[in-house]
């Protein structure tokens, strides 16, 4: 319940207390609600972060186990990706935190006391926006500053030839079998400063165009991993070598001599390198760009903080309940409404990357803002219209 005799203070205030006492009571209510909402937000956000972080860590650990990633950079990369997780988790944590905190207040009849003492929906919304604005500032800092820096450092680690030798982290002077690709690789030496490999040998089991199995063996004097700065794709570039294709025991071998041979290194879908390169660019550089992908990334970063006050008001309205229905009665529909919001924003970003204007994104925010205002003031508007029609009917009858 409320702290001490706060309910009595509310009653005395609305019975004609002094302005100074009124301000003190309002500040106590604000502090009480803000503390309760923030505590629930932190607890929910921490739980969600542990779940998501653990799931991603296990997924990326599997990449390291098959040689797609150097194990010693896994934890630093996950640390740099942490702000990107938080900017999405915090709005959801606040949304669920408000539902849980205010649901408890409704179940324990504290909201009934506040309403009976004159705390209107508008004032309650104002109290709710205080913790929401704190979370909004934090999400804005993460989205506009911290997350791009973390993504850039993460990409730098993944592209470092010393940290990840590109072609499944080759080890000098050792044959390595790559599970899942039937690939055997060998490099005689690897330069520690440039990552250039000498004495490269690759052997892979593949299928020919007619579906028959064949063995592809490639030997080269040297090779290195080349990064395409435009697309972010990685290529294995071999120089001065031979490529043999055929089935052992048969004569139909194909031999190709090359000066330079390049092959794109496949990345697992949804893997640790699947983050778009634009996410690592600074917000200032995105402001100066006219590319559709950069504009979409910029408006996505700006839109994330905007979602916080909107979902806070929606959560405030959907938290209304009583002790008979319980505090979790509206949790499922509220979560579905939030999920639809997030999916619509994600689809809007994809549409912007294909050339649609920024309005496609901000119309979704406007739609949900109108929904939040209708949930907040809909009952008041309907009651006002009903009273007005009743008065007009009484005058007409007279």
Protein backbone atom coordinates (compact mmCIF):
# COMPACT_ATOMS: atom_id res chain seq x y z
CA UNK A 1 0.00 0.00 0.00
CA UNK A 2 1.01 3.66 -0.03
CA UNK A 3 3.71 4.90 2.33
CA UNK A 4 2.48 5.74 5.84
CA UNK A 5 -0.53 8.01 6.02
CA UNK A 6 -0.31 9.18 2.40
CA UNK A 7 -3.97 8.37 1.75
CA UNK A 8 -5.02 10.58 4.66
CA UNK A 9 -2.77 13.36 3.34
CA UNK A 10 -4.48 13.08 -0.02
CA UNK A 11 -7.92 13.32 1.57
CA UNK A 12 -6.95 16.35 3.66
CA UNK A 13 -5.37 18.00 0.63
CA UNK A 14 -8.44 17.68 -1.52
CA UNK A 15 -10.54 18.90 1.44
CA UNK A 16 -8.76 22.25 1.36
CA UNK A 17 -5.11 21.90 2.35
CA UNK A 18 -2.61 24.70 1.79
CA UNK A 19 -0.82 25.02 -1.59
CA UNK A 20 2.48 24.00 0.01
CA UNK A 21 0.96 20.78 1.35
CA UNK A 22 -0.60 20.13 -2.06
CA UNK A 23 2.77 20.33 -3.76
CA UNK A 24 4.34 18.00 -1.19
CA UNK A 25 1.58 15.42 -1.67
CA UNK A 26 1.90 15.58 -5.44
CA UNK A 27 5.66 15.13 -5.22
CA UNK A 28 5.18 12.12 -2.95
CA UNK A 29 2.76 10.56 -5.41
CA UNK A 30 5.15 11.26 -8.28
CA UNK A 31 8.12 9.78 -6.42
CA UNK A 32 6.11 6.73 -5.37
CA UNK A 33 4.82 5.97 -8.86
CA UNK A 34 8.15 6.72 -10.53
CA UNK A 35 10.07 4.48 -8.15
CA UNK A 36 7.60 1.63 -8.58
CA UNK A 37 7.63 1.89 -12.39
CA UNK A 38 11.41 2.14 -12.64
CA UNK A 39 11.95 -0.83 -10.31
CA UNK A 40 9.66 -2.99 -12.42
CA UNK A 41 11.28 -1.68 -15.62
CA UNK A 42 14.78 -2.54 -14.41
CA UNK A 43 13.71 -6.01 -13.29
CA UNK A 44 11.89 -6.81 -16.54
CA UNK A 45 14.65 -5.34 -18.72
CA UNK A 46 17.35 -7.29 -16.88
CA UNK A 47 15.40 -10.53 -17.29
CA UNK A 48 14.84 -9.91 -20.99
CA UNK A 49 18.49 -8.96 -21.47
CA UNK A 50 19.71 -12.17 -19.83
CA UNK A 51 17.38 -14.25 -22.00
CA UNK A 52 18.31 -12.54 -25.28
CA UNK A 53 22.01 -12.28 -24.47
CA UNK A 54 22.19 -15.96 -23.51
CA UNK A 55 20.36 -17.03 -26.67
CA UNK A 56 22.64 -14.97 -28.91
CA UNK A 57 25.74 -16.12 -27.05
CA UNK A 58 24.85 -19.79 -27.54
CA UNK A 59 24.14 -19.15 -31.23
CA UNK A 60 27.44 -17.35 -31.79
CA UNK A 61 29.28 -19.93 -29.72
CA UNK A 62 28.11 -22.54 -32.22
CA UNK A 63 29.71 -20.45 -35.00
CA UNK A 64 32.98 -20.40 -33.08
CA UNK A 65 32.76 -24.17 -32.56
CA UNK A 66 32.67 -24.86 -36.32
CA UNK A 67 35.39 -22.34 -37.07
CA UNK A 68 33.31 -19.46 -38.44
CA UNK A 69 34.55 -17.19 -35.68
CA UNK A 70 37.64 -16.87 -33.53
CA UNK A 71 36.68 -17.80 -29.98
CA UNK A 72 38.82 -15.13 -28.31
CA UNK A 73 36.79 -12.26 -29.83
CA UNK A 74 33.35 -13.68 -29.02
CA UNK A 75 32.90 -11.97 -25.65
CA UNK A 76 34.25 -8.55 -26.80
CA UNK A 77 31.92 -8.63 -29.82
CA UNK A 78 28.96 -9.52 -27.58
CA UNK A 79 29.90 -6.66 -25.24
CA UNK A 80 29.92 -4.18 -28.13
CA UNK A 81 26.54 -5.49 -29.29
CA UNK A 82 25.02 -4.99 -25.82
CA UNK A 83 23.80 -1.38 -26.44
CA UNK A 84 21.96 -2.59 -29.54
CA UNK A 85 20.08 -5.12 -27.40
CA UNK A 86 19.29 -2.53 -24.72
CA UNK A 87 17.81 0.06 -27.09
CA UNK A 88 15.14 -2.48 -28.05
CA UNK A 89 14.70 -4.05 -24.62
CA UNK A 90 14.21 -0.87 -22.58
CA UNK A 91 10.97 0.32 -24.26
CA UNK A 92 9.50 -3.17 -23.85
CA UNK A 93 10.76 -3.31 -20.26
CA UNK A 94 9.05 0.02 -19.50
CA UNK A 95 5.85 -1.16 -21.21
CA UNK A 96 5.66 -4.36 -19.15
CA UNK A 97 6.90 -2.54 -16.03
CA UNK A 98 4.00 -0.05 -16.18
CA UNK A 99 1.52 -2.87 -16.74
CA UNK A 100 2.82 -4.73 -13.70
CA UNK A 101 3.28 -1.72 -11.40
CA UNK A 102 -0.06 -0.07 -12.13
CA UNK A 103 -1.83 -3.42 -12.29
CA UNK A 104 -0.77 -4.01 -8.70
CA UNK A 105 -2.02 -0.56 -7.69
CA UNK A 106 -5.40 -1.27 -9.28
CA UNK A 107 -5.68 -4.70 -7.64
CA UNK A 108 -4.81 -3.26 -4.22
CA UNK A 109 -7.30 -0.36 -4.76
CA UNK A 110 -4.61 2.33 -4.52
CA UNK A 111 -5.61 3.71 -7.91
CA UNK A 112 -9.18 3.89 -6.63
CA UNK A 113 -7.99 6.07 -3.75
CA UNK A 114 -6.04 8.33 -6.11
CA UNK A 115 -9.05 8.67 -8.42
CA UNK A 116 -11.43 9.36 -5.51
CA UNK A 117 -9.09 12.09 -4.30
CA UNK A 118 -9.20 13.82 -7.66
CA UNK A 119 -6.16 12.50 -9.54
CA UNK A 120 -7.44 12.72 -13.10
CA UNK A 121 -6.31 10.52 -16.03
CA UNK A 122 -4.38 13.50 -17.42
CA UNK A 123 -2.46 14.00 -14.18
CA UNK A 124 -1.78 10.27 -13.89
CA UNK A 125 -0.48 10.33 -17.46
CA UNK A 126 1.78 13.22 -16.51
CA UNK A 127 3.15 11.23 -13.57
CA UNK A 128 3.73 8.27 -15.88
CA UNK A 129 5.60 10.34 -18.44
CA UNK A 130 8.29 11.27 -15.91
CA UNK A 131 9.92 7.78 -15.76
CA UNK A 132 9.08 7.37 -19.46
CA UNK A 133 11.09 10.49 -20.31
CA UNK A 134 14.04 9.16 -18.30
CA UNK A 135 13.94 5.94 -20.30
CA UNK A 136 13.45 7.94 -23.49
CA UNK A 137 16.66 9.93 -22.89
CA UNK A 138 18.58 6.72 -22.21
CA UNK A 139 17.22 5.05 -25.36
CA UNK A 140 18.08 8.16 -27.40
CA UNK A 141 21.66 8.12 -26.11
CA UNK A 142 21.98 4.44 -26.94
CA UNK A 143 20.36 4.70 -30.35
CA UNK A 144 22.13 7.84 -31.60
CA UNK A 145 25.57 7.51 -30.00
CA UNK A 146 26.47 4.32 -28.13
CA UNK A 147 25.02 1.62 -30.38
CA UNK A 148 26.70 2.90 -33.61
CA UNK A 149 30.04 3.07 -31.79
CA UNK A 150 29.60 -0.46 -30.48
CA UNK A 151 28.56 -1.79 -33.90
CA UNK A 152 31.59 -0.14 -35.53
CA UNK A 153 34.00 -1.65 -33.01
CA UNK A 154 32.30 -5.02 -33.33
CA UNK A 155 32.72 -4.95 -37.12
CA UNK A 156 36.34 -3.90 -36.75
CA UNK A 157 37.02 -6.92 -34.55
CA UNK A 158 35.28 -9.29 -36.95
CA UNK A 159 37.16 -7.87 -39.94
CA UNK A 160 40.56 -7.93 -38.23
CA UNK A 161 42.68 -10.57 -40.00
CA UNK A 162 44.56 -11.31 -36.79
CA UNK A 163 41.37 -11.88 -34.83
CA UNK A 164 39.44 -13.76 -37.50
CA UNK A 165 41.30 -15.02 -40.52
CA UNK A 166 38.22 -14.81 -42.66
CA UNK A 167 38.22 -18.28 -44.20
CA UNK A 168 37.08 -20.09 -41.07
CA UNK A 169 40.02 -18.80 -38.97
CA UNK A 170 42.94 -20.59 -40.62
CA UNK A 171 45.76 -21.67 -38.34
CA UNK A 172 49.30 -21.60 -39.75
CA UNK A 173 51.00 -24.95 -40.37
CA UNK A 174 47.98 -27.09 -39.53
CA UNK A 175 45.32 -28.90 -41.55
CA UNK A 176 41.83 -27.97 -40.41
CA UNK A 177 38.58 -29.75 -41.20
CA UNK A 178 35.56 -27.44 -41.37
CA UNK A 179 32.43 -29.24 -40.25
CA UNK A 180 29.31 -28.58 -42.32
CA UNK A 181 31.24 -27.61 -45.47
CA UNK A 182 33.47 -30.68 -46.09
CA UNK A 183 36.36 -28.25 -46.36
CA UNK A 184 39.97 -28.99 -45.47
CA UNK A 185 42.23 -25.93 -45.29
CA UNK A 186 45.93 -25.39 -44.77
CA UNK A 187 48.21 -22.36 -44.76
CA UNK A 188 51.95 -22.78 -44.37
CA UNK A 189 52.45 -19.36 -42.78
CA UNK A 190 50.26 -16.38 -41.91
CA UNK A 191 51.79 -12.91 -41.57
CA UNK A 192 50.71 -11.56 -38.16
CA UNK A 193 50.60 -7.92 -39.31
CA UNK A 194 48.79 -8.20 -42.67
CA UNK A 195 47.11 -11.62 -42.45
CA UNK A 196 48.60 -12.65 -45.83
CA UNK A 197 48.83 -16.44 -46.09
CA UNK A 198 51.50 -18.33 -48.03
CA UNK A 199 51.40 -21.92 -49.23
CA UNK A 200 47.61 -22.16 -49.22
CA UNK A 201 45.84 -25.49 -49.77
CA UNK A 202 42.06 -25.98 -49.94
CA UNK A 203 40.14 -29.20 -50.55
CA UNK A 204 36.35 -29.36 -50.66
CA UNK A 205 33.74 -31.96 -51.57
CA UNK A 206 31.09 -30.44 -53.86
CA UNK A 207 28.60 -31.50 -56.51
CA UNK A 208 28.97 -30.84 -60.23
CA UNK A 209 26.30 -29.24 -62.41
CA UNK A 210 24.79 -32.66 -63.17
CA UNK A 211 24.64 -33.58 -59.49
CA UNK A 212 27.65 -35.91 -59.42
CA UNK A 213 30.07 -35.59 -56.48
CA UNK A 214 33.45 -34.07 -57.21
CA UNK A 215 36.54 -32.94 -55.36
CA UNK A 216 37.85 -29.40 -55.77
CA UNK A 217 41.48 -28.83 -54.76
CA UNK A 218 43.03 -25.38 -54.86
CA UNK A 219 46.67 -24.56 -54.22
CA UNK A 220 48.14 -21.07 -54.31
CA UNK A 221 51.40 -19.35 -53.51
CA UNK A 222 49.64 -16.83 -51.29
CA UNK A 223 46.23 -15.53 -50.34
CA UNK A 224 44.43 -13.07 -48.11
CA UNK A 225 40.98 -12.03 -46.98
CA UNK A 226 39.60 -9.01 -48.85
CA UNK A 227 36.68 -7.00 -47.49
CA UNK A 228 34.28 -5.22 -49.82
CA UNK A 229 33.73 -1.90 -48.05
CA UNK A 230 30.53 -1.23 -50.00
CA UNK A 231 28.66 -4.48 -49.32
CA UNK A 232 30.59 -5.76 -46.30
CA UNK A 233 31.11 -9.14 -48.00
CA UNK A 234 34.37 -11.00 -47.43
CA UNK A 235 36.33 -12.70 -50.20
CA UNK A 236 39.23 -15.13 -50.21
CA UNK A 237 41.69 -13.85 -52.80
CA UNK A 238 44.31 -16.38 -53.92
CA UNK A 239 47.26 -15.56 -56.18
CA UNK A 240 49.53 -17.66 -58.43
CA UNK A 241 48.03 -21.11 -58.15
CA UNK A 242 46.09 -24.02 -59.64
CA UNK A 243 42.55 -25.33 -59.20
CA UNK A 244 41.72 -29.01 -59.83
CA UNK A 245 38.13 -30.25 -60.23
CA UNK A 246 37.10 -33.86 -60.71
CA UNK A 247 36.38 -37.23 -59.12
CA UNK A 248 39.35 -39.19 -57.72
CA UNK A 249 40.04 -42.28 -59.86
CA UNK A 250 38.65 -40.74 -63.03
CA UNK A 251 40.44 -38.96 -65.87
CA UNK A 252 38.00 -36.12 -66.49
CA UNK A 253 39.85 -33.65 -64.33
CA UNK A 254 39.65 -29.96 -65.01
CA UNK A 255 42.82 -27.98 -64.28
CA UNK A 256 42.78 -24.18 -64.17
CA UNK A 257 45.88 -22.05 -63.70
CA UNK A 258 45.22 -18.59 -62.30
CA UNK A 259 47.05 -15.44 -61.36
CA UNK A 260 44.22 -14.20 -59.14
CA UNK A 261 41.25 -16.22 -57.93
CA UNK A 262 38.53 -14.86 -55.69
CA UNK A 263 35.73 -16.63 -53.88
CA UNK A 264 33.13 -15.12 -51.58
CA UNK A 265 33.18 -16.50 -48.07
CA UNK A 266 29.61 -17.56 -47.18
CA UNK A 267 28.24 -16.18 -43.95
CA UNK A 268 25.65 -18.15 -41.99
CA UNK A 269 22.23 -16.52 -42.19
CA UNK A 270 21.49 -14.69 -38.96
CA UNK A 271 25.08 -15.12 -37.82
CA UNK A 272 27.22 -12.71 -35.89
CA UNK A 273 28.25 -10.86 -39.07
CA UNK A 274 24.65 -10.37 -40.24
CA UNK A 275 24.35 -6.86 -38.72
CA UNK A 276 24.09 -4.28 -41.54
CA UNK A 277 27.20 -2.14 -42.04
CA UNK A 278 25.10 1.01 -41.87
CA UNK A 279 24.42 0.30 -38.18
CA UNK A 280 28.10 1.01 -37.47
CA UNK A 281 28.08 4.44 -39.09
CA UNK A 282 27.79 7.53 -36.92
CA UNK A 283 24.56 9.50 -36.82
CA UNK A 284 26.36 12.59 -38.13
CA UNK A 285 27.51 10.74 -41.25
CA UNK A 286 23.96 9.47 -41.83
CA UNK A 287 22.65 13.05 -41.71
CA UNK A 288 24.93 13.97 -44.62
CA UNK A 289 23.98 10.96 -46.75
CA UNK A 290 21.24 10.75 -49.36
CA UNK A 291 21.30 6.96 -49.76
CA UNK A 292 18.00 5.23 -49.03
CA UNK A 293 19.60 2.75 -46.64
CA UNK A 294 21.26 5.56 -44.67
CA UNK A 295 18.04 7.59 -44.48
CA UNK A 296 16.17 4.52 -43.23
CA UNK A 297 18.82 3.87 -40.56
CA UNK A 298 18.74 7.53 -39.45
CA UNK A 299 14.96 7.67 -39.05
CA UNK A 300 14.99 4.29 -37.32
CA UNK A 301 17.41 5.66 -34.72
CA UNK A 302 15.28 8.77 -34.26
CA UNK A 303 12.08 6.77 -33.98
CA UNK A 304 13.20 4.42 -31.21
CA UNK A 305 13.07 7.09 -28.44
CA UNK A 306 9.68 8.28 -29.77
CA UNK A 307 8.15 4.88 -29.06
CA UNK A 308 8.84 5.20 -25.32
CA UNK A 309 6.24 7.84 -24.28
CA UNK A 310 3.68 6.37 -26.69
CA UNK A 311 3.92 2.84 -25.28
CA UNK A 312 3.98 4.29 -21.75
CA UNK A 313 0.56 5.91 -22.23
CA UNK A 314 -0.81 2.76 -23.88
CA UNK A 315 0.45 0.65 -20.97
CA UNK A 316 -1.11 3.09 -18.49
CA UNK A 317 -4.51 2.69 -20.16
CA UNK A 318 -4.27 -1.09 -20.53
CA UNK A 319 -3.25 -1.58 -16.89
CA UNK A 320 -6.76 -0.76 -15.63
CA UNK A 321 -8.13 -3.76 -13.77
CA UNK A 322 -9.54 -4.78 -10.37
CA UNK A 323 -8.89 -7.41 -7.72
CA UNK A 324 -11.35 -9.88 -9.31
CA UNK A 325 -9.68 -9.93 -12.74
CA UNK A 326 -6.09 -9.71 -11.46
CA UNK A 327 -3.10 -7.70 -12.62
CA UNK A 328 -2.15 -9.96 -15.55
CA UNK A 329 -5.53 -10.06 -17.31
CA UNK A 330 -4.49 -7.64 -20.07
CA UNK A 331 -0.86 -8.69 -20.38
CA UNK A 332 -1.37 -10.87 -23.48
CA UNK A 333 -3.37 -8.35 -25.59
CA UNK A 334 -1.04 -5.54 -24.50
CA UNK A 335 2.01 -7.52 -25.54
CA UNK A 336 0.37 -8.36 -28.88
CA UNK A 337 -0.33 -4.67 -29.45
CA UNK A 338 3.31 -3.82 -28.71
CA UNK A 339 4.56 -6.60 -30.99
CA UNK A 340 2.41 -5.31 -33.86
CA UNK A 341 3.88 -1.85 -33.29
CA UNK A 342 7.44 -3.16 -33.51
CA UNK A 343 6.72 -5.30 -36.59
CA UNK A 344 5.13 -2.33 -38.38
CA UNK A 345 8.17 -0.18 -37.63
CA UNK A 346 10.54 -2.90 -38.88
CA UNK A 347 8.56 -3.27 -42.10
CA UNK A 348 8.52 0.49 -42.52
CA UNK A 349 12.32 0.58 -42.27
CA UNK A 350 12.57 -2.14 -44.92
CA UNK A 351 10.22 -0.13 -47.16
CA UNK A 352 12.38 2.97 -46.69
CA UNK A 353 15.47 1.02 -47.68
CA UNK A 354 13.69 0.18 -50.93
CA UNK A 355 12.95 3.84 -51.66
CA UNK A 356 9.84 4.77 -49.67
CA UNK A 357 9.91 8.11 -47.90
CA UNK A 358 10.28 8.66 -44.13
CA UNK A 359 6.54 9.34 -43.81
CA UNK A 360 5.84 5.61 -43.95
CA UNK A 361 7.64 5.27 -40.61
CA UNK A 362 6.26 8.34 -38.86
CA UNK A 363 2.67 7.55 -39.87
CA UNK A 364 2.90 4.44 -37.71
CA UNK A 365 4.01 6.55 -34.73
CA UNK A 366 1.14 8.95 -35.38
CA UNK A 367 -1.33 6.07 -35.57
CA UNK A 368 -0.20 4.66 -32.23
CA UNK A 369 -0.13 8.13 -30.67
CA UNK A 370 -3.76 8.63 -31.66
CA UNK A 371 -4.54 5.17 -30.27
CA UNK A 372 -2.85 6.10 -26.97
CA UNK A 373 -4.84 9.36 -26.74
CA UNK A 374 -8.08 7.55 -27.53
CA UNK A 375 -7.42 4.95 -24.85
CA UNK A 376 -6.64 7.75 -22.39
CA UNK A 377 -9.50 10.13 -23.15
CA UNK A 378 -11.99 7.91 -24.99
CA UNK A 379 -14.21 7.34 -21.96
CA UNK A 380 -14.18 11.04 -21.10
CA UNK A 381 -15.15 12.00 -24.66
CA UNK A 382 -17.93 9.40 -24.80
CA UNK A 383 -19.29 10.51 -21.39
CA UNK A 384 -19.21 14.14 -22.45
CA UNK A 385 -21.06 13.38 -25.68
CA UNK A 386 -23.64 11.30 -23.80
CA UNK A 387 -24.30 14.10 -21.26
CA UNK A 388 -24.56 16.63 -24.05
CA UNK A 389 -27.11 14.53 -25.94
CA UNK A 390 -29.05 14.02 -22.72
CA UNK A 391 -29.21 17.76 -22.05
CA UNK A 392 -30.27 18.43 -25.63
CA UNK A 393 -32.98 15.78 -25.28
CA UNK A 394 -34.22 17.35 -22.02
CA UNK A 395 -34.38 20.80 -23.62
CA UNK A 396 -36.25 19.45 -26.62
CA UNK A 397 -38.79 17.71 -24.35
CA UNK A 398 -39.31 20.93 -22.37
